[in-house]
């Protein structure tokens, strides 16, 4: 009974010597010595256990403190990244696209305070700036090349029309086909030039009557024979906007013809209203799905004019959006009474010439210099 009592006392915190005094000891000196050795050993183990527990508690507390610090630091870094991404980055991208240097932008905007994060952000900005400079250089070079193609296209049209006057009926039909093909080429080159921030290939120094605007637009699309015009208006579009309006209507007519059966007609109606001129283009193709209608509405509203966001080769509606924003033209899609899709274009009054241009010489067309 002495041994269990001794171990219990020592493990309870009693010193080995005190524990030996509290229990009945055997008479044998040898047994007493063994009990003393055992008590001392147990006491040492208990001290070591207490020390380990204390150290474990200290390490646990330190780890808890460090973990809390790391969580706070991570939260701070996350907040900085979110703030930079949400508040700073969009403006930085815009300024870099407008040609400002990365050094100027970095000196004037908020950057993360954490050194490693700040260094990473600065590296990203440098790469972004380099990418934007490359993109700008490529766009500028492409726009210059397109301007030369545009000028050549206008020159070819002039040559073809001179040839139509000089040659007989045997080649007149072929010349008309070449004339029309060249007009389509002009529409495509102007489309790309406008998307890249360039100008159309033609400009007008006098107002153009609405019927001529419509005929000029029809003459630029492949399916011109399927378009039916219904126009009794005598108003004219001011020269500064005539080419833009003509191109905008050509793109919408082309889109309507492309998305309707090849044997069906596309009808164009013109009405004069107090707010301006309303042009309605209707086809009898399949009704546009809701998602497609939303995409088309976003395009013609000017919300999808960035080349980086455009998909595929259908760029016409994005050009419509740019021209609509430039001239403050309203373009809206709706279901057509003919079963397909209709688009309503409102040409505001500031685009209309003060007086109808009747019985005047043909307006002078001039090519835009490359």
Protein backbone atom coordinates (compact mmCIF):
# COMPACT_ATOMS: atom_id res chain seq x y z
CA UNK A 1 0.00 0.00 0.00
CA UNK A 2 3.00 2.32 0.54
CA UNK A 3 4.02 2.45 -3.14
CA UNK A 4 0.66 3.61 -4.64
CA UNK A 5 0.27 6.18 -1.86
CA UNK A 6 3.79 7.49 -2.47
CA UNK A 7 3.25 7.87 -6.23
CA UNK A 8 -0.12 9.57 -5.67
CA UNK A 9 1.41 12.09 -3.25
CA UNK A 10 4.33 12.94 -5.54
CA UNK A 11 2.07 13.31 -8.59
CA UNK A 12 -0.17 15.52 -6.48
CA UNK A 13 2.69 17.99 -6.06
CA UNK A 14 4.20 16.85 -2.78
CA UNK A 15 7.98 16.79 -2.69
CA UNK A 16 9.56 13.34 -2.65
CA UNK A 17 11.08 13.81 0.83
CA UNK A 18 7.78 15.04 2.26
CA UNK A 19 5.88 12.21 0.65
CA UNK A 20 8.23 9.61 2.19
CA UNK A 21 7.51 11.06 5.62
CA UNK A 22 3.75 10.71 5.15
CA UNK A 23 3.66 7.02 4.38
CA UNK A 24 4.60 4.01 6.48
CA UNK A 25 8.08 2.90 5.40
CA UNK A 26 9.27 -0.70 5.34
CA UNK A 27 11.79 -1.79 7.89
CA UNK A 28 14.28 -2.96 5.27
CA UNK A 29 16.88 -0.29 4.48
CA UNK A 30 17.10 -1.61 0.95
CA UNK A 31 13.37 -1.22 0.36
CA UNK A 32 13.45 2.29 1.85
CA UNK A 33 16.24 3.19 -0.57
CA UNK A 34 14.23 1.87 -3.53
CA UNK A 35 11.20 3.91 -2.42
CA UNK A 36 13.38 7.02 -2.18
CA UNK A 37 14.79 6.44 -5.67
CA UNK A 38 11.28 5.85 -7.04
CA UNK A 39 9.89 8.98 -5.35
CA UNK A 40 12.75 11.10 -6.69
CA UNK A 41 12.27 9.70 -10.22
CA UNK A 42 8.53 10.33 -10.17
CA UNK A 43 9.13 13.84 -8.85
CA UNK A 44 11.54 14.54 -11.74
CA UNK A 45 9.08 13.23 -14.29
CA UNK A 46 6.32 15.39 -12.83
CA UNK A 47 8.51 18.49 -13.00
CA UNK A 48 9.35 17.66 -16.62
CA UNK A 49 5.67 17.14 -17.43
CA UNK A 50 4.72 20.47 -15.86
CA UNK A 51 7.53 22.17 -17.78
CA UNK A 52 6.36 20.62 -21.03
CA UNK A 53 2.79 21.70 -20.34
CA UNK A 54 3.94 25.23 -19.60
CA UNK A 55 6.03 25.33 -22.78
CA UNK A 56 3.16 23.90 -24.79
CA UNK A 57 0.80 26.56 -23.45
CA UNK A 58 3.34 29.29 -24.26
CA UNK A 59 3.87 28.00 -27.80
CA UNK A 60 0.11 27.68 -28.29
CA UNK A 61 -0.42 31.25 -27.15
CA UNK A 62 2.38 32.49 -29.41
CA UNK A 63 0.96 30.59 -32.37
CA UNK A 64 -2.47 32.04 -31.67
CA UNK A 65 -1.03 35.55 -31.56
CA UNK A 66 0.95 34.98 -34.78
CA UNK A 67 -2.07 33.46 -36.48
CA UNK A 68 -4.18 36.47 -35.54
CA UNK A 69 -1.46 38.79 -36.87
CA UNK A 70 -1.25 36.87 -40.14
CA UNK A 71 -5.04 36.96 -40.51
CA UNK A 72 -5.02 40.72 -40.00
CA UNK A 73 -2.19 41.10 -42.51
CA UNK A 74 -4.00 38.91 -45.05
CA UNK A 75 -7.19 40.90 -44.55
CA UNK A 76 -5.26 44.13 -45.05
CA UNK A 77 -3.63 42.78 -48.23
CA UNK A 78 -6.96 41.55 -49.54
CA UNK A 79 -8.53 44.94 -48.85
CA UNK A 80 -5.68 46.70 -50.65
CA UNK A 81 -5.98 44.42 -53.66
CA UNK A 82 -9.76 44.87 -53.78
CA UNK A 83 -9.44 48.64 -53.44
CA UNK A 84 -6.81 48.82 -56.17
CA UNK A 85 -8.81 46.54 -58.48
CA UNK A 86 -12.12 48.30 -57.88
CA UNK A 87 -11.11 51.96 -57.53
CA UNK A 88 -7.73 52.42 -59.17
CA UNK A 89 -7.21 49.91 -61.95
CA UNK A 90 -10.06 51.01 -64.30
CA UNK A 91 -8.83 54.60 -64.26
CA UNK A 92 -5.22 53.47 -64.70
CA UNK A 93 -6.13 51.41 -67.76
CA UNK A 94 -8.04 54.34 -69.25
CA UNK A 95 -5.16 56.76 -68.70
CA UNK A 96 -2.61 54.33 -70.15
CA UNK A 97 -4.84 53.82 -73.19
CA UNK A 98 -4.98 57.58 -73.61
CA UNK A 99 -1.19 57.66 -73.85
CA UNK A 100 -0.05 58.78 -70.39
CA UNK A 101 3.26 57.38 -69.19
CA UNK A 102 3.29 54.69 -66.52
CA UNK A 103 5.53 56.86 -64.31
CA UNK A 104 3.01 59.73 -64.38
CA UNK A 105 0.11 57.42 -63.64
CA UNK A 106 1.92 55.69 -60.75
CA UNK A 107 2.79 59.01 -59.14
CA UNK A 108 -0.82 60.20 -59.12
CA UNK A 109 -2.85 57.13 -58.14
CA UNK A 110 -3.24 55.00 -55.05
CA UNK A 111 -0.86 52.02 -54.89
CA UNK A 112 -0.76 49.28 -52.20
CA UNK A 113 1.50 50.05 -49.24
CA UNK A 114 2.81 46.51 -48.72
CA UNK A 115 6.23 46.44 -50.46
CA UNK A 116 5.92 43.09 -52.24
CA UNK A 117 2.37 43.79 -53.35
CA UNK A 118 3.32 47.28 -54.49
CA UNK A 119 6.24 45.90 -56.51
CA UNK A 120 3.94 43.33 -58.13
CA UNK A 121 1.37 45.99 -59.01
CA UNK A 122 4.05 48.26 -60.50
CA UNK A 123 5.33 45.36 -62.62
CA UNK A 124 1.79 44.69 -63.86
CA UNK A 125 1.34 48.38 -64.73
CA UNK A 126 4.59 48.41 -66.70
CA UNK A 127 3.51 45.36 -68.69
CA UNK A 128 0.06 46.87 -69.22
CA UNK A 129 1.59 50.11 -70.44
CA UNK A 130 3.83 48.23 -72.85
CA UNK A 131 0.87 46.22 -74.12
CA UNK A 132 -1.21 49.37 -74.64
CA UNK A 133 1.65 51.06 -76.53
CA UNK A 134 1.97 48.04 -78.79
CA UNK A 135 -1.79 47.94 -79.37
CA UNK A 136 -1.87 51.68 -80.12
CA UNK A 137 1.01 51.35 -82.56
CA UNK A 138 -0.70 48.44 -84.31
CA UNK A 139 -4.03 50.30 -84.45
CA UNK A 140 -2.38 53.47 -85.78
CA UNK A 141 -0.52 51.54 -88.45
CA UNK A 142 -3.69 49.69 -89.44
CA UNK A 143 -5.70 52.92 -89.54
CA UNK A 144 -3.09 54.55 -91.80
CA UNK A 145 -3.10 51.54 -94.11
CA UNK A 146 -6.90 51.56 -94.20
CA UNK A 147 -6.98 55.27 -94.99
CA UNK A 148 -4.88 54.56 -98.08
CA UNK A 149 -7.26 51.75 -99.06
CA UNK A 150 -10.22 54.09 -98.47
CA UNK A 151 -8.72 56.77 -100.71
CA UNK A 152 -8.00 54.19 -103.41
CA UNK A 153 -11.57 52.89 -103.15
CA UNK A 154 -13.01 56.38 -103.68
CA UNK A 155 -10.65 56.91 -106.62
CA UNK A 156 -11.73 53.59 -108.16
CA UNK A 157 -15.40 54.57 -107.81
CA UNK A 158 -14.75 57.85 -109.58
CA UNK A 159 -12.87 56.07 -112.39
CA UNK A 160 -15.65 53.50 -112.80
CA UNK A 161 -18.32 56.18 -113.06
CA UNK A 162 -16.27 58.04 -115.67
CA UNK A 163 -15.93 54.79 -117.61
CA UNK A 164 -19.70 54.24 -117.43
CA UNK A 165 -20.17 57.57 -119.21
CA UNK A 166 -17.52 56.87 -121.87
CA UNK A 167 -18.25 53.25 -122.81
CA UNK A 168 -21.23 51.72 -124.53
CA UNK A 169 -24.01 49.45 -123.35
CA UNK A 170 -21.95 46.30 -123.94
CA UNK A 171 -19.76 46.98 -120.89
CA UNK A 172 -22.13 49.15 -118.87
CA UNK A 173 -23.55 46.22 -116.88
CA UNK A 174 -20.09 44.93 -116.00
CA UNK A 175 -19.01 48.39 -114.92
CA UNK A 176 -22.07 48.65 -112.68
CA UNK A 177 -21.12 45.35 -111.02
CA UNK A 178 -17.58 46.59 -110.45
CA UNK A 179 -18.96 49.87 -109.14
CA UNK A 180 -21.17 48.05 -106.66
CA UNK A 181 -18.36 45.70 -105.55
CA UNK A 182 -16.13 48.70 -104.95
CA UNK A 183 -18.88 50.34 -102.89
CA UNK A 184 -19.08 47.22 -100.72
CA UNK A 185 -15.31 47.31 -100.30
CA UNK A 186 -15.62 50.93 -99.21
CA UNK A 187 -18.24 49.96 -96.61
CA UNK A 188 -15.95 47.30 -95.15
CA UNK A 189 -12.86 49.52 -95.03
CA UNK A 190 -14.84 52.38 -93.49
CA UNK A 191 -16.23 49.93 -90.92
CA UNK A 192 -12.74 48.95 -89.77
CA UNK A 193 -11.46 52.51 -89.88
CA UNK A 194 -14.31 53.78 -87.69
CA UNK A 195 -13.78 50.99 -85.15
CA UNK A 196 -10.11 51.93 -84.92
CA UNK A 197 -10.86 55.60 -84.33
CA UNK A 198 -10.37 56.70 -87.93
CA UNK A 199 -12.64 58.62 -90.30
CA UNK A 200 -14.91 57.54 -93.15
CA UNK A 201 -13.48 57.70 -96.65
CA UNK A 202 -15.94 60.30 -97.87
CA UNK A 203 -17.28 63.65 -96.70
CA UNK A 204 -19.88 66.05 -98.06
CA UNK A 205 -19.83 69.83 -98.18
CA UNK A 206 -23.58 70.31 -98.78
CA UNK A 207 -26.77 68.87 -97.31
CA UNK A 208 -28.06 65.69 -98.94
CA UNK A 209 -31.75 64.94 -99.33
CA UNK A 210 -33.04 61.99 -97.35
CA UNK A 211 -33.87 59.91 -100.42
CA UNK A 212 -30.28 60.24 -101.64
CA UNK A 213 -29.05 59.25 -98.19
CA UNK A 214 -31.14 56.07 -98.39
CA UNK A 215 -30.08 55.24 -101.94
CA UNK A 216 -26.45 55.80 -101.05
CA UNK A 217 -26.82 53.44 -98.10
CA UNK A 218 -28.56 50.75 -100.18
CA UNK A 219 -25.85 50.95 -102.85
CA UNK A 220 -23.19 49.87 -100.35
CA UNK A 221 -24.67 46.50 -99.38
CA UNK A 222 -24.56 43.17 -101.24
CA UNK A 223 -28.32 42.55 -101.15
CA UNK A 224 -29.27 45.99 -102.51
CA UNK A 225 -31.84 44.47 -104.91
CA UNK A 226 -33.92 43.19 -101.97
CA UNK A 227 -34.30 46.59 -100.27
CA UNK A 228 -37.49 48.57 -100.84
CA UNK A 229 -37.49 52.26 -99.94
CA UNK A 230 -40.62 54.14 -98.86
CA UNK A 231 -39.62 57.79 -98.60
CA UNK A 232 -41.64 60.89 -99.41
CA UNK A 233 -39.64 63.24 -97.21
CA UNK A 234 -37.91 66.23 -98.79
CA UNK A 235 -35.73 67.12 -95.81
CA UNK A 236 -31.96 67.03 -96.06
CA UNK A 237 -29.22 65.85 -93.74
CA UNK A 238 -26.47 68.37 -93.03
CA UNK A 239 -23.21 67.67 -94.83
CA UNK A 240 -21.18 67.13 -91.66
CA UNK A 241 -23.43 64.19 -90.69
CA UNK A 242 -24.48 62.87 -94.10
CA UNK A 243 -21.73 60.26 -94.44
CA UNK A 244 -22.19 59.03 -90.87
CA UNK A 245 -25.96 58.67 -91.29
CA UNK A 246 -25.50 56.94 -94.65
CA UNK A 247 -23.03 54.44 -93.18
CA UNK A 248 -25.20 53.81 -90.11
CA UNK A 249 -28.25 53.04 -92.26
CA UNK A 250 -26.17 50.87 -94.60
CA UNK A 251 -24.99 48.74 -91.68
CA UNK A 252 -28.55 48.28 -90.39
CA UNK A 253 -29.88 47.43 -93.86
CA UNK A 254 -27.03 44.98 -94.39
CA UNK A 255 -27.74 43.34 -91.04
CA UNK A 256 -31.46 43.04 -91.85
CA UNK A 257 -30.72 41.51 -95.26
CA UNK A 258 -28.19 39.04 -93.86
CA UNK A 259 -30.58 37.74 -91.20
CA UNK A 260 -33.66 37.31 -93.35
CA UNK A 261 -34.47 34.76 -96.08
CA UNK A 262 -32.61 35.53 -99.35
CA UNK A 263 -35.87 35.81 -101.30
CA UNK A 264 -37.58 38.18 -98.84
CA UNK A 265 -37.54 41.95 -99.04
CA UNK A 266 -36.27 44.45 -96.51
CA UNK A 267 -38.50 47.51 -96.20
CA UNK A 268 -37.30 50.96 -95.16
CA UNK A 269 -39.80 53.65 -94.11
CA UNK A 270 -39.16 57.35 -93.47
CA UNK A 271 -41.40 59.62 -91.39
CA UNK A 272 -41.00 63.22 -90.33
CA UNK A 273 -41.75 63.86 -86.67
CA UNK A 274 -41.41 66.82 -84.36
CA UNK A 275 -38.31 65.30 -82.78
CA UNK A 276 -36.60 64.57 -86.11
CA UNK A 277 -36.68 61.96 -88.85
CA UNK A 278 -37.73 58.41 -88.00
CA UNK A 279 -36.30 55.66 -90.21
CA UNK A 280 -37.74 52.16 -89.68
CA UNK A 281 -36.05 49.10 -91.18
CA UNK A 282 -38.04 45.85 -91.12
CA UNK A 283 -37.22 42.32 -92.25
CA UNK A 284 -39.23 39.10 -92.26
CA UNK A 285 -36.58 36.75 -90.93
CA UNK A 286 -36.71 34.72 -87.75
CA UNK A 287 -37.61 36.68 -84.65
CA UNK A 288 -34.46 37.60 -82.77
CA UNK A 289 -33.97 35.72 -79.48
CA UNK A 290 -34.03 37.75 -76.27
CA UNK A 291 -30.29 37.31 -75.64
CA UNK A 292 -29.45 38.29 -79.22
CA UNK A 293 -31.79 41.28 -78.95
CA UNK A 294 -29.99 42.44 -75.80
CA UNK A 295 -26.58 42.09 -77.48
CA UNK A 296 -27.80 44.02 -80.50
CA UNK A 297 -29.25 46.74 -78.25
CA UNK A 298 -25.95 47.02 -76.36
CA UNK A 299 -24.06 47.29 -79.65
CA UNK A 300 -26.18 50.02 -81.21
CA UNK A 301 -26.21 51.91 -77.90
CA UNK A 302 -22.41 52.20 -78.08
CA UNK A 303 -21.68 49.87 -75.17
CA UNK A 304 -19.70 47.36 -77.28
CA UNK A 305 -17.31 49.43 -79.41
CA UNK A 306 -14.02 48.20 -77.95
CA UNK A 307 -12.27 45.97 -80.49
CA UNK A 308 -11.05 43.74 -77.65
CA UNK A 309 -14.64 42.84 -76.70
CA UNK A 310 -15.94 42.17 -80.20
CA UNK A 311 -16.30 38.57 -81.32
CA UNK A 312 -16.23 37.11 -84.80
CA UNK A 313 -16.45 39.16 -88.00
CA UNK A 314 -19.83 40.84 -87.42
CA UNK A 315 -18.69 44.33 -86.63
CA UNK A 316 -21.43 46.38 -88.26
CA UNK A 317 -23.60 46.97 -85.19
CA UNK A 318 -20.56 48.13 -83.20
CA UNK A 319 -19.96 50.74 -85.92
CA UNK A 320 -23.62 51.76 -85.64
CA UNK A 321 -23.05 52.27 -81.91
CA UNK A 322 -20.06 54.53 -82.50
CA UNK A 323 -21.84 56.62 -85.10
CA UNK A 324 -24.98 56.83 -82.96
CA UNK A 325 -22.95 58.15 -80.02
CA UNK A 326 -21.09 60.63 -82.21
CA UNK A 327 -24.23 62.14 -83.77
CA UNK A 328 -26.62 61.52 -80.84
CA UNK A 329 -28.80 59.21 -82.94
CA UNK A 330 -31.28 56.91 -81.19
CA UNK A 331 -31.35 53.29 -82.44
CA UNK A 332 -33.80 50.76 -80.96
CA UNK A 333 -34.74 47.20 -81.86
CA UNK A 334 -38.26 45.78 -81.68
CA UNK A 335 -40.22 42.86 -83.20
CA UNK A 336 -41.24 43.56 -86.79
CA UNK A 337 -44.83 43.57 -88.01
CA UNK A 338 -43.51 41.42 -90.86
CA UNK A 339 -42.55 38.65 -88.46
CA UNK A 340 -38.84 39.34 -88.16
CA UNK A 341 -36.98 42.18 -86.47
CA UNK A 342 -37.46 45.91 -86.81
CA UNK A 343 -35.05 48.69 -85.95
CA UNK A 344 -36.17 52.28 -85.39
CA UNK A 345 -33.67 55.08 -86.00
CA UNK A 346 -34.37 58.62 -84.82
CA UNK A 347 -32.25 61.24 -86.57
CA UNK A 348 -32.47 64.29 -84.25
CA UNK A 349 -33.25 67.75 -85.52
CA UNK A 350 -29.69 69.05 -85.16
CA UNK A 351 -28.69 66.75 -88.06
CA UNK A 352 -31.36 68.17 -90.37
CA UNK A 353 -30.43 71.05 -92.67
CA UNK A 354 -32.33 74.26 -92.04
CA UNK A 355 -34.02 74.21 -95.44
CA UNK A 356 -34.68 71.33 -97.86
CA UNK A 357 -32.09 71.28 -100.60
CA UNK A 358 -34.20 71.05 -103.75
CA UNK A 359 -33.19 71.81 -107.34
CA UNK A 360 -29.55 72.32 -106.42
CA UNK A 361 -26.53 70.85 -108.19
CA UNK A 362 -25.40 67.47 -106.89
CA UNK A 363 -23.46 67.78 -103.65
CA UNK A 364 -19.70 67.64 -103.96
CA UNK A 365 -18.19 64.45 -102.60
CA UNK A 366 -14.62 64.64 -101.41
CA UNK A 367 -12.31 61.85 -100.37
CA UNK A 368 -10.70 62.12 -96.98
CA UNK A 369 -6.95 62.45 -97.33
CA UNK A 370 -4.92 59.51 -96.16
